[in-house]
PDB file of N, CA and C in Angstrom:
ATOM      1  N   MET A   1    -108.531   7.695 183.805  1.00  0.00           N
ATOM      2  CA  MET A   1    -109.166   7.846 182.493  1.00  0.00           C
ATOM      3  C   MET A   1    -110.642   7.466 182.629  1.00  0.00           C
ATOM      4  N   ASP A   2    -111.513   8.342 182.154  1.00  0.00           N
ATOM      5  CA  ASP A   2    -112.934   8.029 182.214  1.00  0.00           C
ATOM      6  C   ASP A   2    -113.356   7.249 180.967  1.00  0.00           C
ATOM      7  N   LYS A   3    -114.622   6.835 180.965  1.00  0.00           N
ATOM      8  CA  LYS A   3    -115.125   6.010 179.857  1.00  0.00           C
ATOM      9  C   LYS A   3    -115.012   6.699 178.503  1.00  0.00           C
ATOM     10  N   GLN A   4    -115.312   7.995 178.476  1.00  0.00           N
ATOM     11  CA  GLN A   4    -115.257   8.721 177.206  1.00  0.00           C
ATOM     12  C   GLN A   4    -113.827   8.763 176.675  1.00  0.00           C
ATOM     13  N   GLU A   5    -112.860   9.053 177.544  1.00  0.00           N
ATOM     14  CA  GLU A   5    -111.462   9.077 177.103  1.00  0.00           C
ATOM     15  C   GLU A   5    -111.035   7.708 176.588  1.00  0.00           C
ATOM     16  N   GLY A   6    -111.466   6.662 177.278  1.00  0.00           N
ATOM     17  CA  GLY A   6    -111.130   5.306 176.844  1.00  0.00           C
ATOM     18  C   GLY A   6    -111.719   4.987 175.485  1.00  0.00           C
ATOM     19  N   ALA A   7    -112.958   5.412 175.267  1.00  0.00           N
ATOM     20  CA  ALA A   7    -113.611   5.171 173.983  1.00  0.00           C
ATOM     21  C   ALA A   7    -112.919   5.942 172.871  1.00  0.00           C
ATOM     22  N   LEU A   8    -112.493   7.174 173.154  1.00  0.00           N
ATOM     23  CA  LEU A   8    -111.793   7.969 172.143  1.00  0.00           C
ATOM     24  C   LEU A   8    -110.468   7.320 171.763  1.00  0.00           C
ATOM     25  N   ARG A   9    -109.760   6.800 172.741  1.00  0.00           N
ATOM     26  CA  ARG A   9    -108.484   6.132 172.454  1.00  0.00           C
ATOM     27  C   ARG A   9    -108.696   4.854 171.649  1.00  0.00           C
ATOM     28  N   LYS A  10    -109.723   4.076 172.012  1.00  0.00           N
ATOM     29  CA  LYS A  10    -110.034   2.851 171.259  1.00  0.00           C
ATOM     30  C   LYS A  10    -110.412   3.183 169.821  1.00  0.00           C
ATOM     31  N   PHE A  11    -111.234   4.220 169.664  1.00  0.00           N
ATOM     32  CA  PHE A  11    -111.633   4.636 168.323  1.00  0.00           C
ATOM     33  C   PHE A  11    -110.408   5.047 167.517  1.00  0.00           C
ATOM     34  N   GLY A  12    -109.528   5.822 168.124  1.00  0.00           N
ATOM     35  CA  GLY A  12    -108.311   6.264 167.440  1.00  0.00           C
ATOM     36  C   GLY A  12    -107.432   5.108 167.018  1.00  0.00           C
ATOM     37  N   ARG A  13    -107.268   4.139 167.901  1.00  0.00           N
ATOM     38  CA  ARG A  13    -106.460   2.954 167.555  1.00  0.00           C
ATOM     39  C   ARG A  13    -107.105   2.176 166.415  1.00  0.00           C
ATOM     40  N   ARG A  14    -108.424   2.054 166.459  1.00  0.00           N
ATOM     41  CA  ARG A  14    -109.141   1.325 165.408  1.00  0.00           C
ATOM     42  C   ARG A  14    -108.993   2.041 164.066  1.00  0.00           C
ATOM     43  N   LEU A  15    -109.150   3.357 164.081  1.00  0.00           N
ATOM     44  CA  LEU A  15    -108.978   4.136 162.860  1.00  0.00           C
ATOM     45  C   LEU A  15    -107.578   3.947 162.294  1.00  0.00           C
ATOM     46  N   SER A  16    -106.583   4.060 163.140  1.00  0.00           N
ATOM     47  CA  SER A  16    -105.198   3.899 162.704  1.00  0.00           C
ATOM     48  C   SER A  16    -104.952   2.511 162.125  1.00  0.00           C
ATOM     49  N   GLN A  17    -105.467   1.491 162.811  1.00  0.00           N
ATOM     50  CA  GLN A  17    -105.294   0.112 162.352  1.00  0.00           C
ATOM     51  C   GLN A  17    -105.917  -0.096 160.969  1.00  0.00           C
ATOM     52  N   LEU A  18    -107.154   0.352 160.810  1.00  0.00           N
ATOM     53  CA  LEU A  18    -107.839   0.164 159.529  1.00  0.00           C
ATOM     54  C   LEU A  18    -107.153   0.952 158.413  1.00  0.00           C
ATOM     55  N   ARG A  19    -106.698   2.148 158.731  1.00  0.00           N
ATOM     56  CA  ARG A  19    -106.007   2.965 157.733  1.00  0.00           C
ATOM     57  C   ARG A  19    -104.713   2.287 157.291  1.00  0.00           C
ATOM     58  N   GLU A  20    -103.941   1.805 158.261  1.00  0.00           N
ATOM     59  CA  GLU A  20    -102.666   1.161 157.938  1.00  0.00           C
ATOM     60  C   GLU A  20    -102.865  -0.153 157.187  1.00  0.00           C
ATOM     61  N   GLU A  21    -103.894  -0.919 157.546  1.00  0.00           N
ATOM     62  CA  GLU A  21    -104.191  -2.174 156.839  1.00  0.00           C
ATOM     63  C   GLU A  21    -104.466  -1.921 155.362  1.00  0.00           C
ATOM     64  N   ARG A  22    -105.018  -0.763 155.062  1.00  0.00           N
ATOM     65  CA  ARG A  22    -105.341  -0.428 153.680  1.00  0.00           C
ATOM     66  C   ARG A  22    -104.219   0.325 152.974  1.00  0.00           C
ATOM     67  N   GLY A  23    -103.131   0.556 153.689  1.00  0.00           N
ATOM     68  CA  GLY A  23    -101.987   1.239 153.082  1.00  0.00           C
ATOM     69  C   GLY A  23    -102.264   2.699 152.760  1.00  0.00           C
ATOM     70  N   ILE A  24    -103.111   3.326 153.559  1.00  0.00           N
ATOM     71  CA  ILE A  24    -103.487   4.719 153.327  1.00  0.00           C
ATOM     72  C   ILE A  24    -102.736   5.599 154.318  1.00  0.00           C
ATOM     73  N   SER A  25    -102.062   6.603 153.824  1.00  0.00           N
ATOM     74  CA  SER A  25    -101.367   7.540 154.712  1.00  0.00           C
ATOM     75  C   SER A  25    -102.379   8.511 155.326  1.00  0.00           C
ATOM     76  N   ILE A  26    -101.951   9.190 156.363  1.00  0.00           N
ATOM     77  CA  ILE A  26    -102.804  10.213 156.961  1.00  0.00           C
ATOM     78  C   ILE A  26    -103.114  11.295 155.932  1.00  0.00           C
ATOM     79  N   ALA A  27    -102.114  11.686 155.146  1.00  0.00           N
ATOM     80  CA  ALA A  27    -102.327  12.708 154.118  1.00  0.00           C
ATOM     81  C   ALA A  27    -103.364  12.247 153.093  1.00  0.00           C
ATOM     82  N   GLU A  28    -103.304  10.999 152.694  1.00  0.00           N
ATOM     83  CA  GLU A  28    -104.264  10.475 151.721  1.00  0.00           C
ATOM     84  C   GLU A  28    -105.672  10.426 152.317  1.00  0.00           C
ATOM     85  N   LEU A  29    -105.780   9.982 153.567  1.00  0.00           N
ATOM     86  CA  LEU A  29    -107.093   9.948 154.213  1.00  0.00           C
ATOM     87  C   LEU A  29    -107.647  11.364 154.351  1.00  0.00           C
ATOM     88  N   ALA A  30    -106.778  12.303 154.661  1.00  0.00           N
ATOM     89  CA  ALA A  30    -107.206  13.705 154.749  1.00  0.00           C
ATOM     90  C   ALA A  30    -107.747  14.179 153.409  1.00  0.00           C
ATOM     91  N   SER A  31    -107.062  13.829 152.346  1.00  0.00           N
ATOM     92  CA  SER A  31    -107.502  14.218 151.011  1.00  0.00           C
ATOM     93  C   SER A  31    -108.852  13.590 150.671  1.00  0.00           C
ATOM     94  N   ARG A  32    -109.028  12.340 151.046  1.00  0.00           N
ATOM     95  CA  ARG A  32    -110.271  11.633 150.746  1.00  0.00           C
ATOM     96  C   ARG A  32    -111.454  12.143 151.554  1.00  0.00           C
ATOM     97  N   THR A  33    -111.191  12.672 152.747  1.00  0.00           N
ATOM     98  CA  THR A  33    -112.279  13.067 153.646  1.00  0.00           C
ATOM     99  C   THR A  33    -112.493  14.568 153.740  1.00  0.00           C
ATOM    100  N   GLY A  34    -111.515  15.351 153.287  1.00  0.00           N
ATOM    101  CA  GLY A  34    -111.600  16.794 153.436  1.00  0.00           C
ATOM    102  C   GLY A  34    -111.232  17.271 154.826  1.00  0.00           C
ATOM    103  N   LEU A  35    -110.715  16.367 155.649  1.00  0.00           N
ATOM    104  CA  LEU A  35    -110.272  16.737 156.993  1.00  0.00           C
ATOM    105  C   LEU A  35    -108.816  17.168 156.950  1.00  0.00           C
ATOM    106  N   ASP A  36    -108.406  17.907 157.938  1.00  0.00           N
ATOM    107  CA  ASP A  36    -107.017  18.336 158.062  1.00  0.00           C
ATOM    108  C   ASP A  36    -106.191  17.154 158.575  1.00  0.00           C
ATOM    109  N   PRO A  37    -104.992  16.926 158.024  1.00  0.00           N
ATOM    110  CA  PRO A  37    -104.162  15.829 158.512  1.00  0.00           C
ATOM    111  C   PRO A  37    -103.904  15.890 160.023  1.00  0.00           C
ATOM    112  N   GLU A  38    -103.755  17.090 160.557  1.00  0.00           N
ATOM    113  CA  GLU A  38    -103.537  17.222 162.004  1.00  0.00           C
ATOM    114  C   GLU A  38    -104.758  16.757 162.791  1.00  0.00           C
ATOM    115  N   GLU A  39    -105.939  16.990 162.244  1.00  0.00           N
ATOM    116  CA  GLU A  39    -107.163  16.529 162.905  1.00  0.00           C
ATOM    117  C   GLU A  39    -107.207  15.005 162.944  1.00  0.00           C
ATOM    118  N   ILE A  40    -106.822  14.365 161.852  1.00  0.00           N
ATOM    119  CA  ILE A  40    -106.793  12.903 161.820  1.00  0.00           C
ATOM    120  C   ILE A  40    -105.750  12.383 162.802  1.00  0.00           C
ATOM    121  N   THR A  41    -104.601  13.025 162.865  1.00  0.00           N
ATOM    122  CA  THR A  41    -103.568  12.632 163.829  1.00  0.00           C
ATOM    123  C   THR A  41    -104.118  12.723 165.250  1.00  0.00           C
ATOM    124  N   ASP A  42    -104.815  13.803 165.565  1.00  0.00           N
ATOM    125  CA  ASP A  42    -105.401  13.977 166.896  1.00  0.00           C
ATOM    126  C   ASP A  42    -106.469  12.926 167.185  1.00  0.00           C
ATOM    127  N   ILE A  43    -107.271  12.593 166.184  1.00  0.00           N
ATOM    128  CA  ILE A  43    -108.301  11.567 166.362  1.00  0.00           C
ATOM    129  C   ILE A  43    -107.630  10.219 166.643  1.00  0.00           C
ATOM    130  N   GLU A  44    -106.612   9.879 165.860  1.00  0.00           N
ATOM    131  CA  GLU A  44    -105.924   8.607 166.059  1.00  0.00           C
ATOM    132  C   GLU A  44    -105.236   8.532 167.419  1.00  0.00           C
ATOM    133  N   ALA A  45    -104.829   9.673 167.944  1.00  0.00           N
ATOM    134  CA  ALA A  45    -104.194   9.714 169.262  1.00  0.00           C
ATOM    135  C   ALA A  45    -105.233   9.714 170.390  1.00  0.00           C
ATOM    136  N   GLY A  46    -106.509   9.759 170.050  1.00  0.00           N
ATOM    137  CA  GLY A  46    -107.554   9.784 171.061  1.00  0.00           C
ATOM    138  C   GLY A  46    -107.660  11.106 171.775  1.00  0.00           C
ATOM    139  N   GLU A  47    -107.197  12.167 171.127  1.00  0.00           N
ATOM    140  CA  GLU A  47    -107.143  13.482 171.760  1.00  0.00           C
ATOM    141  C   GLU A  47    -108.292  14.405 171.378  1.00  0.00           C
ATOM    142  N   THR A  48    -109.153  13.952 170.508  1.00  0.00           N
ATOM    143  CA  THR A  48    -110.268  14.808 170.107  1.00  0.00           C
ATOM    144  C   THR A  48    -111.522  13.964 169.910  1.00  0.00           C
ATOM    145  N   ASP A  49    -112.634  14.551 170.255  1.00  0.00           N
ATOM    146  CA  ASP A  49    -113.922  13.891 170.078  1.00  0.00           C
ATOM    147  C   ASP A  49    -114.314  13.988 168.605  1.00  0.00           C
ATOM    148  N   VAL A  50    -115.102  13.052 168.146  1.00  0.00           N
ATOM    149  CA  VAL A  50    -115.533  13.063 166.751  1.00  0.00           C
ATOM    150  C   VAL A  50    -117.053  13.047 166.673  1.00  0.00           C
ATOM    151  N   SER A  51    -117.567  13.763 165.707  1.00  0.00           N
ATOM    152  CA  SER A  51    -119.012  13.776 165.480  1.00  0.00           C
ATOM    153  C   SER A  51    -119.383  12.597 164.581  1.00  0.00           C
ATOM    154  N   ILE A  52    -120.654  12.329 164.517  1.00  0.00           N
ATOM    155  CA  ILE A  52    -121.139  11.265 163.638  1.00  0.00           C
ATOM    156  C   ILE A  52    -120.816  11.593 162.183  1.00  0.00           C
ATOM    157  N   THR A  53    -120.840  12.860 161.832  1.00  0.00           N
ATOM    158  CA  THR A  53    -120.505  13.277 160.471  1.00  0.00           C
ATOM    159  C   THR A  53    -119.068  12.912 160.141  1.00  0.00           C
ATOM    160  N   ILE A  54    -118.160  13.161 161.064  1.00  0.00           N
ATOM    161  CA  ILE A  54    -116.748  12.834 160.828  1.00  0.00           C
ATOM    162  C   ILE A  54    -116.560  11.328 160.764  1.00  0.00           C
ATOM    163  N   ILE A  55    -117.273  10.576 161.601  1.00  0.00           N
ATOM    164  CA  ILE A  55    -117.182   9.113 161.544  1.00  0.00           C
ATOM    165  C   ILE A  55    -117.588   8.619 160.160  1.00  0.00           C
ATOM    166  N   PHE A  56    -118.664   9.162 159.627  1.00  0.00           N
ATOM    167  CA  PHE A  56    -119.122   8.752 158.287  1.00  0.00           C
ATOM    168  C   PHE A  56    -118.102   9.149 157.217  1.00  0.00           C
ATOM    169  N   ARG A  57    -117.506  10.320 157.342  1.00  0.00           N
ATOM    170  CA  ARG A  57    -116.495  10.759 156.374  1.00  0.00           C
ATOM    171  C   ARG A  57    -115.256   9.870 156.438  1.00  0.00           C
ATOM    172  N   LEU A  58    -114.827   9.532 157.646  1.00  0.00           N
ATOM    173  CA  LEU A  58    -113.658   8.661 157.798  1.00  0.00           C
ATOM    174  C   LEU A  58    -113.944   7.274 157.218  1.00  0.00           C
ATOM    175  N   ALA A  59    -115.113   6.742 157.518  1.00  0.00           N
ATOM    176  CA  ALA A  59    -115.476   5.427 156.992  1.00  0.00           C
ATOM    177  C   ALA A  59    -115.505   5.442 155.467  1.00  0.00           C
ATOM    178  N   ALA A  60    -116.094   6.468 154.887  1.00  0.00           N
ATOM    179  CA  ALA A  60    -116.134   6.570 153.425  1.00  0.00           C
ATOM    180  C   ALA A  60    -114.718   6.673 152.866  1.00  0.00           C
ATOM    181  N   GLY A  61    -113.859   7.435 153.528  1.00  0.00           N
ATOM    182  CA  GLY A  61    -112.477   7.566 153.077  1.00  0.00           C
ATOM    183  C   GLY A  61    -111.706   6.261 153.132  1.00  0.00           C
ATOM    184  N   LEU A  62    -112.097   5.404 154.072  1.00  0.00           N
ATOM    185  CA  LEU A  62    -111.463   4.082 154.186  1.00  0.00           C
ATOM    186  C   LEU A  62    -112.143   3.039 153.304  1.00  0.00           C
ATOM    187  N   GLY A  63    -113.314   3.386 152.779  1.00  0.00           N
ATOM    188  CA  GLY A  63    -114.064   2.447 151.944  1.00  0.00           C
ATOM    189  C   GLY A  63    -114.741   1.344 152.745  1.00  0.00           C
ATOM    190  N   ILE A  64    -115.195   1.682 153.951  1.00  0.00           N
ATOM    191  CA  ILE A  64    -115.834   0.702 154.823  1.00  0.00           C
ATOM    192  C   ILE A  64    -117.143   1.284 155.353  1.00  0.00           C
ATOM    193  N   PRO A  65    -118.030   0.411 155.830  1.00  0.00           N
ATOM    194  CA  PRO A  65    -119.237   0.924 156.479  1.00  0.00           C
ATOM    195  C   PRO A  65    -118.884   1.524 157.846  1.00  0.00           C
ATOM    196  N   PRO A  66    -119.583   2.558 158.267  1.00  0.00           N
ATOM    197  CA  PRO A  66    -119.298   3.166 159.569  1.00  0.00           C
ATOM    198  C   PRO A  66    -119.305   2.170 160.723  1.00  0.00           C
ATOM    199  N   ALA A  67    -120.183   1.182 160.651  1.00  0.00           N
ATOM    200  CA  ALA A  67    -120.261   0.193 161.723  1.00  0.00           C
ATOM    201  C   ALA A  67    -118.941  -0.556 161.905  1.00  0.00           C
ATOM    202  N   GLN A  68    -118.211  -0.753 160.832  1.00  0.00           N
ATOM    203  CA  GLN A  68    -116.915  -1.436 160.937  1.00  0.00           C
ATOM    204  C   GLN A  68    -115.905  -0.581 161.693  1.00  0.00           C
ATOM    205  N   LEU A  69    -116.060   0.702 161.614  1.00  0.00           N
ATOM    206  CA  LEU A  69    -115.149   1.622 162.294  1.00  0.00           C
ATOM    207  C   LEU A  69    -115.469   1.725 163.789  1.00  0.00           C
ATOM    208  N   VAL A  70    -116.733   1.686 164.150  1.00  0.00           N
ATOM    209  CA  VAL A  70    -117.107   1.874 165.552  1.00  0.00           C
ATOM    210  C   VAL A  70    -117.624   0.600 166.220  1.00  0.00           C
ATOM    211  N   GLY A  71    -117.841  -0.435 165.451  1.00  0.00           N
ATOM    212  CA  GLY A  71    -118.473  -1.643 165.976  1.00  0.00           C
ATOM    213  C   GLY A  71    -117.772  -2.329 167.134  1.00  0.00           C
ATOM    214  N   SER A  72    -116.476  -2.227 167.220  1.00  0.00           N
ATOM    215  CA  SER A  72    -115.738  -2.948 168.255  1.00  0.00           C
ATOM    216  C   SER A  72    -115.518  -2.117 169.513  1.00  0.00           C
ATOM    217  N   LEU A  73    -116.098  -0.933 169.593  1.00  0.00           N
ATOM    218  CA  LEU A  73    -115.910  -0.096 170.767  1.00  0.00           C
ATOM    219  C   LEU A  73    -116.829  -0.577 171.846  1.00  0.00           C
TER     220      LEU A  73
END
């Protein structure tokens, strides 16, 4: 696994953790962000790269600053 793959997996785990802590389902997060639920599933699995725009949308959907979502990577 290279550094990028590792970062994607860490980001996905962090997203999943924050979403679950807030009691938000994947479907609800999809509704809040305008993303497809399958895309969120892929992001949480570390299987897809994310743009800065998507990071901001996910953070807004979770009600957190973007730095909280990516800060621990």
